[in-house]
Amino acid sequence: MNRWVHPACIDCFSALAPGREPVVLRVTDPRNGARLRVRRTCCFCSRDTDAGIFARRDPATVGCHGALGYHANGGFGTGRRG
């Protein structure tokens, strides 16, 4: 992951890509296969989301500018579990 790949909530993704189905990253618990609800901040509206959707955009055009905690730590695995 890098500064160009941004977590997005379903509402923001729908606005960015009307009519497209998102590819959703699912994180599962290896012990029992249950879905872990990893919370991240949507880089487009700053709301918490557990949608597992990411959008590739130039960081200069996104509210986070590639500087939120998600980007600073290299991407996957840095979300909050809830």
C-alpha atoms as a PDB file:
ATOM      1  CA  MET A   1       0.000   0.000   0.000  1.00  0.00           C
ATOM      2  CA  ASN A   2       1.068   3.515  -0.558  1.00  0.00           C
ATOM      3  CA  ARG A   3      -0.100   7.105  -0.415  1.00  0.00           C
ATOM      4  CA  TRP A   4      -2.161   6.617  -3.614  1.00  0.00           C
ATOM      5  CA  VAL A   5      -4.464   3.923  -2.171  1.00  0.00           C
ATOM      6  CA  HIS A   6      -7.128   5.296   0.158  1.00  0.00           C
ATOM      7  CA  PRO A   7      -9.760   3.680   2.415  1.00  0.00           C
ATOM      8  CA  ALA A   8     -13.254   4.696   1.280  1.00  0.00           C
ATOM      9  CA  CYS A   9     -16.734   4.337   2.729  1.00  0.00           C
ATOM     10  CA  ILE A  10     -19.487   2.939   0.496  1.00  0.00           C
ATOM     11  CA  ASP A  11     -21.077   6.383  -0.003  1.00  0.00           C
ATOM     12  CA  CYS A  12     -17.822   7.974  -1.177  1.00  0.00           C
ATOM     13  CA  PHE A  13     -16.958   5.020  -3.412  1.00  0.00           C
ATOM     14  CA  SER A  14     -20.411   5.214  -4.999  1.00  0.00           C
ATOM     15  CA  ALA A  15     -19.837   8.918  -5.717  1.00  0.00           C
ATOM     16  CA  LEU A  16     -16.336   8.261  -7.121  1.00  0.00           C
ATOM     17  CA  ALA A  17     -17.374   5.361  -9.354  1.00  0.00           C
ATOM     18  CA  PRO A  18     -21.106   5.517 -10.101  1.00  0.00           C
ATOM     19  CA  GLY A  19     -22.548   2.165 -11.122  1.00  0.00           C
ATOM     20  CA  ARG A  20     -19.418   0.160 -10.253  1.00  0.00           C
ATOM     21  CA  GLU A  21     -19.288  -2.600  -7.682  1.00  0.00           C
ATOM     22  CA  PRO A  22     -16.393  -2.184  -5.235  1.00  0.00           C
ATOM     23  CA  VAL A  23     -13.805  -4.876  -4.653  1.00  0.00           C
ATOM     24  CA  VAL A  24     -13.992  -5.392  -0.908  1.00  0.00           C
ATOM     25  CA  LEU A  25     -11.035  -6.462   1.217  1.00  0.00           C
ATOM     26  CA  ARG A  26     -12.240  -8.943   3.820  1.00  0.00           C
ATOM     27  CA  VAL A  27     -10.078  -9.703   6.844  1.00  0.00           C
ATOM     28  CA  THR A  28     -10.878 -12.983   8.561  1.00  0.00           C
ATOM     29  CA  ASP A  29      -9.845 -14.508  11.845  1.00  0.00           C
ATOM     30  CA  PRO A  30      -7.599 -17.503  11.008  1.00  0.00           C
ATOM     31  CA  ARG A  31      -8.869 -19.377  14.065  1.00  0.00           C
ATOM     32  CA  ASN A  32     -12.537 -19.512  13.084  1.00  0.00           C
ATOM     33  CA  GLY A  33     -12.962 -17.751   9.725  1.00  0.00           C
ATOM     34  CA  ALA A  34     -15.117 -14.965  11.200  1.00  0.00           C
ATOM     35  CA  ARG A  35     -14.945 -11.596   9.478  1.00  0.00           C
ATOM     36  CA  LEU A  36     -12.981  -9.030  11.479  1.00  0.00           C
ATOM     37  CA  ARG A  37     -14.521  -5.589  11.236  1.00  0.00           C
ATOM     38  CA  VAL A  38     -11.427  -3.425  10.676  1.00  0.00           C
ATOM     39  CA  ARG A  39     -12.298   0.241  11.067  1.00  0.00           C
ATOM     40  CA  ARG A  40     -10.470   2.883   9.130  1.00  0.00           C
ATOM     41  CA  THR A  41     -11.078   6.544   8.390  1.00  0.00           C
ATOM     42  CA  CYS A  42     -12.494   7.278   4.946  1.00  0.00           C
ATOM     43  CA  CYS A  43      -9.961   9.532   3.227  1.00  0.00           C
ATOM     44  CA  PHE A  44     -12.718  11.288   1.277  1.00  0.00           C
ATOM     45  CA  CYS A  45     -15.177  12.280   4.039  1.00  0.00           C
ATOM     46  CA  SER A  46     -13.222  11.510   7.266  1.00  0.00           C
ATOM     47  CA  ARG A  47     -15.954   9.237   8.683  1.00  0.00           C
ATOM     48  CA  ASP A  48     -15.144   5.858  10.237  1.00  0.00           C
ATOM     49  CA  THR A  49     -15.810   2.918   7.932  1.00  0.00           C
ATOM     50  CA  ASP A  50     -15.466  -0.838   8.063  1.00  0.00           C
ATOM     51  CA  ALA A  51     -16.446  -1.337   4.410  1.00  0.00           C
ATOM     52  CA  GLY A  52     -13.043  -2.702   3.343  1.00  0.00           C
ATOM     53  CA  ILE A  53     -13.096  -0.606   0.159  1.00  0.00           C
ATOM     54  CA  PHE A  54     -10.037   1.189  -1.208  1.00  0.00           C
ATOM     55  CA  ALA A  55      -9.763   3.706  -4.039  1.00  0.00           C
ATOM     56  CA  ARG A  56      -6.638   4.714  -5.940  1.00  0.00           C
ATOM     57  CA  ARG A  57      -6.322   8.505  -6.170  1.00  0.00           C
ATOM     58  CA  ASP A  58      -3.573  11.115  -6.277  1.00  0.00           C
ATOM     59  CA  PRO A  59      -2.986  12.092  -2.612  1.00  0.00           C
ATOM     60  CA  ALA A  60      -2.924  15.773  -3.614  1.00  0.00           C
ATOM     61  CA  THR A  61      -6.615  15.480  -4.598  1.00  0.00           C
ATOM     62  CA  VAL A  62      -7.857  13.702  -1.446  1.00  0.00           C
ATOM     63  CA  GLY A  63      -8.630  15.242   1.944  1.00  0.00           C
ATOM     64  CA  CYS A  64      -6.038  13.116   3.771  1.00  0.00           C
ATOM     65  CA  HIS A  65      -3.207  14.068   1.369  1.00  0.00           C
ATOM     66  CA  GLY A  66      -1.836  10.584   2.065  1.00  0.00           C
ATOM     67  CA  ALA A  67      -0.996  11.560   5.628  1.00  0.00           C
ATOM     68  CA  LEU A  68      -3.551   9.754   7.829  1.00  0.00           C
ATOM     69  CA  GLY A  69      -2.302   7.037  10.184  1.00  0.00           C
ATOM     70  CA  TYR A  70      -3.320   4.420   7.619  1.00  0.00           C
ATOM     71  CA  HIS A  71      -0.786   5.750   5.101  1.00  0.00           C
ATOM     72  CA  ALA A  72       1.945   6.590   7.597  1.00  0.00           C
ATOM     73  CA  ASN A  73       2.257   2.943   8.665  1.00  0.00           C
ATOM     74  CA  GLY A  74       2.247   1.409   5.199  1.00  0.00           C
ATOM     75  CA  GLY A  75      -1.388   0.405   4.814  1.00  0.00           C
ATOM     76  CA  PHE A  76      -2.873  -2.971   5.693  1.00  0.00           C
ATOM     77  CA  GLY A  77      -2.959  -4.032   9.295  1.00  0.00           C
ATOM     78  CA  THR A  78      -3.012  -0.517  10.717  1.00  0.00           C
ATOM     79  CA  GLY A  79      -6.783  -0.155  11.088  1.00  0.00           C
ATOM     80  CA  ARG A  80      -8.718  -0.298  14.328  1.00  0.00           C
ATOM     81  CA  ARG A  81     -10.675  -3.460  15.046  1.00  0.00           C
ATOM     82  CA  GLY A  82     -14.151  -2.922  16.343  1.00  0.00           C
END
